[in-house]
């Protein structure tokens, strides 16, 4: 069983970050309903501002450049919210042009997360609404906590759209028709319904938020060294992430190049030899 690591606050005190002994980087969103650093007596709603995106961006870079990290897990602080998205009170103070650059920075940050060749898991431990769902959709695997929250993109009720990748990613994940229905109604729905439409991968019936964290950590640990071929997982992600947006013939060419890279790796030699010798491979990520 992998222990939850000690987390340290990023510079703006809106994200907590830490790495487990087996290479799981935890990015924990942590703010009140106004997007300010959490203080005693406030509920963790984990809404974001520009300052939180700066913390998220730096945490992603920390995980990307840390050779010991093979899995990135995003989770919300507290027991009620993964994230409620952007702080509406904060948005109300911004000029239209500033809001545009705010969305641009958020898009760039989530793109950086998607393009990092390490597995990303969104542990949806509570309500995952608006921009919170947009963050979760940039992960590779999404897991919800049963009866502990809802999901949705309700931006239409504010007279806007889900502009941090929401319209693009949701339509790719659940299809055009379902995505349209979800966004034009702005309705919220359960993790179970989200799983039925393949928006999330699993719903854990954990008895508490603490147990959920432990359960998700155990799940993530199977993708760490020496049990998993982490270099292969990274190349699989690169092929799927980049290849979906290009013609099939170019995707196949990309796939061959990534496979060629793996054939030259130590892990491929280890994995193939272990299969032939009927042994359990122990990978090194190289």
C-alpha atoms as a PDB file:
ATOM      1  CA  UNK A   1       0.000   0.000   0.000  1.00  0.00           C
ATOM      2  CA  UNK A   2       1.365   3.398  -1.025  1.00  0.00           C
ATOM      3  CA  UNK A   3       1.223   6.113   1.634  1.00  0.00           C
ATOM      4  CA  UNK A   4      -0.117   9.580   0.910  1.00  0.00           C
ATOM      5  CA  UNK A   5       2.888  11.923   0.681  1.00  0.00           C
ATOM      6  CA  UNK A   6       3.555  15.092   2.611  1.00  0.00           C
ATOM      7  CA  UNK A   7       2.243  17.937   0.463  1.00  0.00           C
ATOM      8  CA  UNK A   8       3.765  21.394   0.249  1.00  0.00           C
ATOM      9  CA  UNK A   9       1.998  24.533  -0.908  1.00  0.00           C
ATOM     10  CA  UNK A  10       2.947  25.995  -4.279  1.00  0.00           C
ATOM     11  CA  UNK A  11       3.931  29.717  -4.331  1.00  0.00           C
ATOM     12  CA  UNK A  12       0.376  31.119  -4.410  1.00  0.00           C
ATOM     13  CA  UNK A  13      -0.895  28.689  -1.735  1.00  0.00           C
ATOM     14  CA  UNK A  14      -3.658  27.433  -4.060  1.00  0.00           C
ATOM     15  CA  UNK A  15      -2.195  24.044  -4.979  1.00  0.00           C
ATOM     16  CA  UNK A  16      -0.484  21.492  -2.765  1.00  0.00           C
ATOM     17  CA  UNK A  17       2.139  19.232  -4.308  1.00  0.00           C
ATOM     18  CA  UNK A  18       4.046  16.145  -3.264  1.00  0.00           C
ATOM     19  CA  UNK A  19       5.516  12.907  -4.624  1.00  0.00           C
ATOM     20  CA  UNK A  20       5.167   9.401  -3.186  1.00  0.00           C
ATOM     21  CA  UNK A  21       8.127   7.091  -2.737  1.00  0.00           C
ATOM     22  CA  UNK A  22       7.027   5.114  -5.815  1.00  0.00           C
ATOM     23  CA  UNK A  23       6.711   8.121  -8.122  1.00  0.00           C
ATOM     24  CA  UNK A  24       3.106   9.341  -7.965  1.00  0.00           C
ATOM     25  CA  UNK A  25       2.936  13.146  -8.074  1.00  0.00           C
ATOM     26  CA  UNK A  26      -0.082  14.585  -6.253  1.00  0.00           C
ATOM     27  CA  UNK A  27      -1.523  17.902  -7.445  1.00  0.00           C
ATOM     28  CA  UNK A  28      -4.166  18.948  -4.912  1.00  0.00           C
ATOM     29  CA  UNK A  29      -6.368  21.941  -5.730  1.00  0.00           C
ATOM     30  CA  UNK A  30      -7.053  23.993  -2.598  1.00  0.00           C
ATOM     31  CA  UNK A  31      -9.068  27.219  -2.390  1.00  0.00           C
ATOM     32  CA  UNK A  32     -12.269  28.736  -1.049  1.00  0.00           C
ATOM     33  CA  UNK A  33     -15.313  29.754  -3.097  1.00  0.00           C
ATOM     34  CA  UNK A  34     -13.659  33.029  -4.147  1.00  0.00           C
ATOM     35  CA  UNK A  35     -10.523  31.250  -5.315  1.00  0.00           C
ATOM     36  CA  UNK A  36      -8.472  32.538  -2.398  1.00  0.00           C
ATOM     37  CA  UNK A  37      -6.118  30.474  -0.218  1.00  0.00           C
ATOM     38  CA  UNK A  38      -8.070  28.361   2.234  1.00  0.00           C
ATOM     39  CA  UNK A  39      -8.414  29.697   5.788  1.00  0.00           C
ATOM     40  CA  UNK A  40      -9.933  28.183   8.893  1.00  0.00           C
ATOM     41  CA  UNK A  41     -13.713  27.980   8.753  1.00  0.00           C
ATOM     42  CA  UNK A  42     -13.868  28.065   4.945  1.00  0.00           C
ATOM     43  CA  UNK A  43     -15.045  25.170   2.779  1.00  0.00           C
ATOM     44  CA  UNK A  44     -12.716  23.718   0.166  1.00  0.00           C
ATOM     45  CA  UNK A  45     -14.527  24.545  -3.074  1.00  0.00           C
ATOM     46  CA  UNK A  46     -11.285  24.622  -5.082  1.00  0.00           C
ATOM     47  CA  UNK A  47     -12.352  27.282  -7.549  1.00  0.00           C
ATOM     48  CA  UNK A  48      -9.616  28.779  -9.644  1.00  0.00           C
ATOM     49  CA  UNK A  49      -8.189  32.174 -10.511  1.00  0.00           C
ATOM     50  CA  UNK A  50      -5.160  33.138 -12.561  1.00  0.00           C
ATOM     51  CA  UNK A  51      -3.048  32.565  -9.442  1.00  0.00           C
ATOM     52  CA  UNK A  52      -4.244  28.964  -9.122  1.00  0.00           C
ATOM     53  CA  UNK A  53      -3.472  28.285 -12.789  1.00  0.00           C
ATOM     54  CA  UNK A  54       0.049  29.552 -12.161  1.00  0.00           C
ATOM     55  CA  UNK A  55       0.354  27.035  -9.320  1.00  0.00           C
ATOM     56  CA  UNK A  56      -1.144  24.211 -11.424  1.00  0.00           C
ATOM     57  CA  UNK A  57       1.179  25.019 -14.310  1.00  0.00           C
ATOM     58  CA  UNK A  58       4.261  24.948 -12.099  1.00  0.00           C
ATOM     59  CA  UNK A  59       3.154  21.694 -10.446  1.00  0.00           C
ATOM     60  CA  UNK A  60       2.729  20.065 -13.868  1.00  0.00           C
ATOM     61  CA  UNK A  61       6.224  21.210 -14.854  1.00  0.00           C
ATOM     62  CA  UNK A  62       7.634  19.884 -11.580  1.00  0.00           C
ATOM     63  CA  UNK A  63       6.106  16.485 -12.293  1.00  0.00           C
ATOM     64  CA  UNK A  64       7.160  16.542 -15.945  1.00  0.00           C
ATOM     65  CA  UNK A  65      10.833  17.224 -15.204  1.00  0.00           C
ATOM     66  CA  UNK A  66      11.057  14.866 -12.221  1.00  0.00           C
ATOM     67  CA  UNK A  67      12.477  11.595 -13.555  1.00  0.00           C
ATOM     68  CA  UNK A  68      11.178   9.754 -10.496  1.00  0.00           C
ATOM     69  CA  UNK A  69       7.561  10.661 -11.344  1.00  0.00           C
ATOM     70  CA  UNK A  70       5.672   8.240 -13.572  1.00  0.00           C
ATOM     71  CA  UNK A  71       2.043   9.039 -12.630  1.00  0.00           C
ATOM     72  CA  UNK A  72       0.320  12.365 -11.933  1.00  0.00           C
ATOM     73  CA  UNK A  73      -2.824  12.442  -9.788  1.00  0.00           C
ATOM     74  CA  UNK A  74      -5.097  15.483  -9.540  1.00  0.00           C
ATOM     75  CA  UNK A  75      -7.526  15.741  -6.625  1.00  0.00           C
ATOM     76  CA  UNK A  76      -9.443  18.363  -4.701  1.00  0.00           C
ATOM     77  CA  UNK A  77      -8.730  19.355  -1.120  1.00  0.00           C
ATOM     78  CA  UNK A  78     -11.412  18.480   1.394  1.00  0.00           C
ATOM     79  CA  UNK A  79     -14.398  16.189   1.088  1.00  0.00           C
ATOM     80  CA  UNK A  80     -17.014  17.995  -1.017  1.00  0.00           C
ATOM     81  CA  UNK A  81     -15.384  19.289  -4.193  1.00  0.00           C
ATOM     82  CA  UNK A  82     -12.877  18.231  -6.788  1.00  0.00           C
ATOM     83  CA  UNK A  83     -13.341  21.717  -8.227  1.00  0.00           C
ATOM     84  CA  UNK A  84     -16.257  24.041  -8.888  1.00  0.00           C
ATOM     85  CA  UNK A  85     -14.374  25.688 -11.749  1.00  0.00           C
ATOM     86  CA  UNK A  86     -13.591  29.365 -12.116  1.00  0.00           C
ATOM     87  CA  UNK A  87     -14.388  31.772  -9.304  1.00  0.00           C
ATOM     88  CA  UNK A  88     -17.354  33.757 -10.635  1.00  0.00           C
ATOM     89  CA  UNK A  89     -16.653  36.632  -8.236  1.00  0.00           C
ATOM     90  CA  UNK A  90     -13.117  36.784  -9.628  1.00  0.00           C
ATOM     91  CA  UNK A  91     -14.322  36.710 -13.247  1.00  0.00           C
ATOM     92  CA  UNK A  92     -16.696  39.563 -12.492  1.00  0.00           C
ATOM     93  CA  UNK A  93     -13.719  41.833 -11.758  1.00  0.00           C
ATOM     94  CA  UNK A  94     -11.953  41.224 -15.082  1.00  0.00           C
ATOM     95  CA  UNK A  95     -12.128  43.019 -18.410  1.00  0.00           C
ATOM     96  CA  UNK A  96     -13.248  41.003 -21.457  1.00  0.00           C
ATOM     97  CA  UNK A  97      -9.707  41.056 -22.875  1.00  0.00           C
ATOM     98  CA  UNK A  98      -8.223  39.864 -19.566  1.00  0.00           C
ATOM     99  CA  UNK A  99     -10.789  37.053 -19.462  1.00  0.00           C
ATOM    100  CA  UNK A 100      -9.629  35.980 -22.929  1.00  0.00           C
ATOM    101  CA  UNK A 101      -6.010  35.677 -21.788  1.00  0.00           C
ATOM    102  CA  UNK A 102      -7.198  33.965 -18.602  1.00  0.00           C
ATOM    103  CA  UNK A 103      -8.881  31.265 -20.715  1.00  0.00           C
ATOM    104  CA  UNK A 104      -5.859  31.077 -23.026  1.00  0.00           C
ATOM    105  CA  UNK A 105      -3.503  30.427 -20.118  1.00  0.00           C
ATOM    106  CA  UNK A 106      -5.841  27.742 -18.738  1.00  0.00           C
ATOM    107  CA  UNK A 107      -6.007  26.067 -22.149  1.00  0.00           C
ATOM    108  CA  UNK A 108      -2.231  26.131 -22.488  1.00  0.00           C
ATOM    109  CA  UNK A 109      -1.813  24.627 -19.025  1.00  0.00           C
ATOM    110  CA  UNK A 110      -4.225  21.757 -19.700  1.00  0.00           C
ATOM    111  CA  UNK A 111      -2.556  21.154 -23.047  1.00  0.00           C
ATOM    112  CA  UNK A 112       0.766  20.879 -21.213  1.00  0.00           C
ATOM    113  CA  UNK A 113      -0.843  18.295 -18.932  1.00  0.00           C
ATOM    114  CA  UNK A 114      -2.155  16.311 -21.906  1.00  0.00           C
ATOM    115  CA  UNK A 115       1.164  16.443 -23.718  1.00  0.00           C
ATOM    116  CA  UNK A 116       3.201  15.266 -20.739  1.00  0.00           C
ATOM    117  CA  UNK A 117       4.006  11.596 -21.494  1.00  0.00           C
ATOM    118  CA  UNK A 118       3.076  10.404 -18.006  1.00  0.00           C
ATOM    119  CA  UNK A 119      -0.254   8.884 -16.995  1.00  0.00           C
ATOM    120  CA  UNK A 120      -2.637  11.446 -15.464  1.00  0.00           C
ATOM    121  CA  UNK A 121      -5.454  10.348 -13.152  1.00  0.00           C
ATOM    122  CA  UNK A 122      -8.245  12.673 -12.001  1.00  0.00           C
ATOM    123  CA  UNK A 123      -9.488  11.516  -8.586  1.00  0.00           C
ATOM    124  CA  UNK A 124     -12.913  13.174  -8.573  1.00  0.00           C
ATOM    125  CA  UNK A 125     -13.524  13.187  -4.825  1.00  0.00           C
ATOM    126  CA  UNK A 126     -16.480  15.589  -4.935  1.00  0.00           C
ATOM    127  CA  UNK A 127     -18.459  17.933  -7.155  1.00  0.00           C
ATOM    128  CA  UNK A 128     -16.700  18.385 -10.496  1.00  0.00           C
ATOM    129  CA  UNK A 129     -18.484  21.275 -12.132  1.00  0.00           C
ATOM    130  CA  UNK A 130     -17.713  23.690 -14.962  1.00  0.00           C
ATOM    131  CA  UNK A 131     -14.001  24.311 -15.148  1.00  0.00           C
ATOM    132  CA  UNK A 132     -13.479  21.523 -12.650  1.00  0.00           C
ATOM    133  CA  UNK A 133     -14.811  19.045 -15.198  1.00  0.00           C
ATOM    134  CA  UNK A 134     -12.696  20.709 -17.870  1.00  0.00           C
ATOM    135  CA  UNK A 135      -9.603  19.993 -15.747  1.00  0.00           C
ATOM    136  CA  UNK A 136     -10.689  16.381 -15.186  1.00  0.00           C
ATOM    137  CA  UNK A 137     -11.306  15.840 -18.911  1.00  0.00           C
ATOM    138  CA  UNK A 138      -7.643  16.674 -19.608  1.00  0.00           C
ATOM    139  CA  UNK A 139      -6.644  13.644 -17.520  1.00  0.00           C
ATOM    140  CA  UNK A 140      -6.159  10.203 -19.043  1.00  0.00           C
ATOM    141  CA  UNK A 141      -8.265   8.348 -16.465  1.00  0.00           C
ATOM    142  CA  UNK A 142     -11.123   9.721 -14.345  1.00  0.00           C
ATOM    143  CA  UNK A 143     -12.409   8.036 -11.176  1.00  0.00           C
ATOM    144  CA  UNK A 144     -15.345   9.286  -9.091  1.00  0.00           C
ATOM    145  CA  UNK A 145     -16.397   8.702  -5.480  1.00  0.00           C
ATOM    146  CA  UNK A 146     -19.872   7.151  -5.293  1.00  0.00           C
ATOM    147  CA  UNK A 147     -22.662   9.425  -3.999  1.00  0.00           C
ATOM    148  CA  UNK A 148     -20.220  12.239  -3.311  1.00  0.00           C
ATOM    149  CA  UNK A 149     -20.780  14.719  -6.083  1.00  0.00           C
ATOM    150  CA  UNK A 150     -22.062  15.602  -9.500  1.00  0.00           C
ATOM    151  CA  UNK A 151     -20.589  16.663 -12.816  1.00  0.00           C
ATOM    152  CA  UNK A 152     -21.694  19.125 -15.464  1.00  0.00           C
ATOM    153  CA  UNK A 153     -20.873  22.127 -17.623  1.00  0.00           C
ATOM    154  CA  UNK A 154     -23.457  24.746 -16.571  1.00  0.00           C
ATOM    155  CA  UNK A 155     -21.747  27.746 -18.206  1.00  0.00           C
ATOM    156  CA  UNK A 156     -24.758  28.388 -20.467  1.00  0.00           C
ATOM    157  CA  UNK A 157     -26.639  29.676 -17.399  1.00  0.00           C
ATOM    158  CA  UNK A 158     -24.060  32.496 -17.230  1.00  0.00           C
ATOM    159  CA  UNK A 159     -24.481  33.311 -20.907  1.00  0.00           C
ATOM    160  CA  UNK A 160     -21.127  31.793 -21.882  1.00  0.00           C
ATOM    161  CA  UNK A 161     -19.711  28.424 -22.967  1.00  0.00           C
ATOM    162  CA  UNK A 162     -17.227  26.021 -21.393  1.00  0.00           C
ATOM    163  CA  UNK A 163     -14.174  27.830 -22.717  1.00  0.00           C
ATOM    164  CA  UNK A 164     -11.340  25.937 -21.050  1.00  0.00           C
ATOM    165  CA  UNK A 165     -11.536  23.018 -23.451  1.00  0.00           C
ATOM    166  CA  UNK A 166     -15.024  21.975 -22.393  1.00  0.00           C
ATOM    167  CA  UNK A 167     -16.779  21.982 -25.760  1.00  0.00           C
ATOM    168  CA  UNK A 168     -13.801  20.363 -27.483  1.00  0.00           C
ATOM    169  CA  UNK A 169     -13.004  17.622 -24.987  1.00  0.00           C
ATOM    170  CA  UNK A 170     -16.563  16.696 -24.015  1.00  0.00           C
ATOM    171  CA  UNK A 171     -17.626  16.203 -27.639  1.00  0.00           C
ATOM    172  CA  UNK A 172     -14.599  13.991 -28.247  1.00  0.00           C
ATOM    173  CA  UNK A 173     -15.264  11.931 -25.129  1.00  0.00           C
ATOM    174  CA  UNK A 174     -19.024  11.368 -25.316  1.00  0.00           C
ATOM    175  CA  UNK A 175     -19.926  12.295 -28.902  1.00  0.00           C
ATOM    176  CA  UNK A 176     -21.513  15.365 -30.469  1.00  0.00           C
ATOM    177  CA  UNK A 177     -25.160  14.639 -29.642  1.00  0.00           C
ATOM    178  CA  UNK A 178     -24.650  13.880 -25.950  1.00  0.00           C
ATOM    179  CA  UNK A 179     -22.204  16.758 -25.530  1.00  0.00           C
ATOM    180  CA  UNK A 180     -24.690  19.203 -27.041  1.00  0.00           C
ATOM    181  CA  UNK A 181     -27.470  18.027 -24.725  1.00  0.00           C
ATOM    182  CA  UNK A 182     -25.257  18.328 -21.637  1.00  0.00           C
ATOM    183  CA  UNK A 183     -24.010  21.816 -22.467  1.00  0.00           C
ATOM    184  CA  UNK A 184     -27.159  23.499 -23.786  1.00  0.00           C
ATOM    185  CA  UNK A 185     -29.195  22.316 -20.799  1.00  0.00           C
ATOM    186  CA  UNK A 186     -26.368  22.966 -18.352  1.00  0.00           C
ATOM    187  CA  UNK A 187     -27.663  20.090 -16.240  1.00  0.00           C
ATOM    188  CA  UNK A 188     -25.670  18.356 -13.528  1.00  0.00           C
ATOM    189  CA  UNK A 189     -25.606  14.585 -13.263  1.00  0.00           C
ATOM    190  CA  UNK A 190     -24.164  11.811 -11.125  1.00  0.00           C
ATOM    191  CA  UNK A 191     -20.834  10.056 -11.427  1.00  0.00           C
ATOM    192  CA  UNK A 192     -22.795   6.900 -12.257  1.00  0.00           C
ATOM    193  CA  UNK A 193     -24.435   8.534 -15.281  1.00  0.00           C
ATOM    194  CA  UNK A 194     -21.066   9.939 -16.295  1.00  0.00           C
ATOM    195  CA  UNK A 195     -19.652   6.426 -16.212  1.00  0.00           C
ATOM    196  CA  UNK A 196     -22.511   5.110 -18.369  1.00  0.00           C
ATOM    197  CA  UNK A 197     -21.584   7.598 -21.100  1.00  0.00           C
ATOM    198  CA  UNK A 198     -17.862   6.801 -20.749  1.00  0.00           C
ATOM    199  CA  UNK A 199     -17.069  10.262 -19.427  1.00  0.00           C
ATOM    200  CA  UNK A 200     -15.433   8.712 -16.375  1.00  0.00           C
ATOM    201  CA  UNK A 201     -13.883   5.282 -16.114  1.00  0.00           C
ATOM    202  CA  UNK A 202     -14.944   4.050 -12.698  1.00  0.00           C
ATOM    203  CA  UNK A 203     -16.917   4.955  -9.575  1.00  0.00           C
ATOM    204  CA  UNK A 204     -15.459   3.758  -6.286  1.00  0.00           C
ATOM    205  CA  UNK A 205     -17.781   2.824  -3.433  1.00  0.00           C
ATOM    206  CA  UNK A 206     -15.257   3.926  -0.814  1.00  0.00           C
ATOM    207  CA  UNK A 207     -16.614   4.444   2.698  1.00  0.00           C
ATOM    208  CA  UNK A 208     -14.959   7.844   3.165  1.00  0.00           C
ATOM    209  CA  UNK A 209     -12.902  10.473   1.390  1.00  0.00           C
ATOM    210  CA  UNK A 210      -9.811   9.166   3.166  1.00  0.00           C
ATOM    211  CA  UNK A 211     -10.493   5.623   1.967  1.00  0.00           C
ATOM    212  CA  UNK A 212     -11.120   6.943  -1.552  1.00  0.00           C
ATOM    213  CA  UNK A 213      -7.689   8.549  -1.565  1.00  0.00           C
ATOM    214  CA  UNK A 214      -6.163   5.269  -0.470  1.00  0.00           C
ATOM    215  CA  UNK A 215      -8.119   3.290  -3.071  1.00  0.00           C
ATOM    216  CA  UNK A 216      -7.126   5.610  -5.909  1.00  0.00           C
ATOM    217  CA  UNK A 217      -3.520   5.555  -4.732  1.00  0.00           C
ATOM    218  CA  UNK A 218      -3.547   1.760  -4.841  1.00  0.00           C
ATOM    219  CA  UNK A 219      -4.973   1.894  -8.368  1.00  0.00           C
ATOM    220  CA  UNK A 220      -2.338   4.392  -9.502  1.00  0.00           C
ATOM    221  CA  UNK A 221       0.470   2.300  -8.038  1.00  0.00           C
ATOM    222  CA  UNK A 222       0.028  -0.397 -10.689  1.00  0.00           C
ATOM    223  CA  UNK A 223       1.367   2.110 -13.237  1.00  0.00           C
ATOM    224  CA  UNK A 224       4.595   2.773 -11.340  1.00  0.00           C
ATOM    225  CA  UNK A 225       8.008   1.134 -11.493  1.00  0.00           C
ATOM    226  CA  UNK A 226       8.973  -1.667 -11.389  1.00  0.00           C
ATOM    227  CA  UNK A 227       5.525  -3.112 -12.107  1.00  0.00           C
ATOM    228  CA  UNK A 228       4.699  -1.098 -15.227  1.00  0.00           C
ATOM    229  CA  UNK A 229       6.623  -0.281 -18.386  1.00  0.00           C
ATOM    230  CA  UNK A 230       6.329   3.456 -17.824  1.00  0.00           C
ATOM    231  CA  UNK A 231       8.205   4.419 -20.982  1.00  0.00           C
ATOM    232  CA  UNK A 232       5.723   2.347 -23.020  1.00  0.00           C
ATOM    233  CA  UNK A 233       2.794   3.991 -21.200  1.00  0.00           C
ATOM    234  CA  UNK A 234       4.236   7.404 -22.061  1.00  0.00           C
ATOM    235  CA  UNK A 235       4.585   6.483 -25.731  1.00  0.00           C
ATOM    236  CA  UNK A 236       1.053   5.046 -25.819  1.00  0.00           C
ATOM    237  CA  UNK A 237      -0.183   8.374 -24.484  1.00  0.00           C
ATOM    238  CA  UNK A 238       1.834  10.325 -27.038  1.00  0.00           C
ATOM    239  CA  UNK A 239       0.445   8.214 -29.902  1.00  0.00           C
ATOM    240  CA  UNK A 240      -3.179   8.488 -28.791  1.00  0.00           C
ATOM    241  CA  UNK A 241      -2.978  12.169 -27.820  1.00  0.00           C
ATOM    242  CA  UNK A 242      -1.258  13.373 -31.000  1.00  0.00           C
ATOM    243  CA  UNK A 243      -2.526  10.763 -33.415  1.00  0.00           C
ATOM    244  CA  UNK A 244      -6.245  11.363 -32.926  1.00  0.00           C
ATOM    245  CA  UNK A 245      -5.958  14.747 -34.603  1.00  0.00           C
ATOM    246  CA  UNK A 246      -4.085  13.689 -37.747  1.00  0.00           C
ATOM    247  CA  UNK A 247      -4.972  11.454 -40.728  1.00  0.00           C
ATOM    248  CA  UNK A 248      -4.735   7.711 -40.104  1.00  0.00           C
ATOM    249  CA  UNK A 249      -1.694   7.201 -42.352  1.00  0.00           C
ATOM    250  CA  UNK A 250       0.258   9.804 -40.377  1.00  0.00           C
ATOM    251  CA  UNK A 251      -0.962   8.360 -37.095  1.00  0.00           C
ATOM    252  CA  UNK A 252       0.333   4.956 -38.186  1.00  0.00           C
ATOM    253  CA  UNK A 253       3.690   6.519 -39.070  1.00  0.00           C
ATOM    254  CA  UNK A 254       3.862   8.174 -35.644  1.00  0.00           C
ATOM    255  CA  UNK A 255       2.970   4.862 -34.028  1.00  0.00           C
ATOM    256  CA  UNK A 256       5.812   3.091 -35.863  1.00  0.00           C
ATOM    257  CA  UNK A 257       8.342   5.693 -34.741  1.00  0.00           C
ATOM    258  CA  UNK A 258       7.219   5.420 -31.130  1.00  0.00           C
ATOM    259  CA  UNK A 259       7.353   1.631 -31.369  1.00  0.00           C
ATOM    260  CA  UNK A 260      10.859   1.802 -32.831  1.00  0.00           C
ATOM    261  CA  UNK A 261      11.894   3.920 -29.869  1.00  0.00           C
ATOM    262  CA  UNK A 262      10.503   1.297 -27.501  1.00  0.00           C
ATOM    263  CA  UNK A 263      12.135  -1.637 -29.306  1.00  0.00           C
ATOM    264  CA  UNK A 264      15.486  -0.024 -28.507  1.00  0.00           C
ATOM    265  CA  UNK A 265      14.661   0.385 -24.818  1.00  0.00           C
ATOM    266  CA  UNK A 266      15.902  -1.707 -21.918  1.00  0.00           C
ATOM    267  CA  UNK A 267      12.330  -2.263 -20.775  1.00  0.00           C
ATOM    268  CA  UNK A 268      11.378  -3.926 -24.069  1.00  0.00           C
ATOM    269  CA  UNK A 269      14.303  -6.316 -23.725  1.00  0.00           C
ATOM    270  CA  UNK A 270      13.274  -7.006 -20.131  1.00  0.00           C
ATOM    271  CA  UNK A 271       9.600  -7.506 -20.963  1.00  0.00           C
ATOM    272  CA  UNK A 272      10.165  -9.790 -23.959  1.00  0.00           C
ATOM    273  CA  UNK A 273      12.782 -11.877 -22.150  1.00  0.00           C
ATOM    274  CA  UNK A 274      10.544 -12.239 -19.090  1.00  0.00           C
ATOM    275  CA  UNK A 275       7.674 -13.427 -21.266  1.00  0.00           C
ATOM    276  CA  UNK A 276       9.842 -16.066 -22.945  1.00  0.00           C
ATOM    277  CA  UNK A 277      11.285 -17.196 -19.623  1.00  0.00           C
ATOM    278  CA  UNK A 278       7.853 -17.099 -17.914  1.00  0.00           C
ATOM    279  CA  UNK A 279       9.067 -14.629 -15.301  1.00  0.00           C
ATOM    280  CA  UNK A 280       7.569 -11.425 -13.905  1.00  0.00           C
ATOM    281  CA  UNK A 281       9.350  -8.447 -15.473  1.00  0.00           C
ATOM    282  CA  UNK A 282      10.753  -5.655 -13.351  1.00  0.00           C
ATOM    283  CA  UNK A 283      10.937  -2.510 -15.409  1.00  0.00           C
ATOM    284  CA  UNK A 284      13.305   0.423 -15.002  1.00  0.00           C
ATOM    285  CA  UNK A 285      11.598   3.038 -17.171  1.00  0.00           C
ATOM    286  CA  UNK A 286      14.432   3.129 -19.681  1.00  0.00           C
END
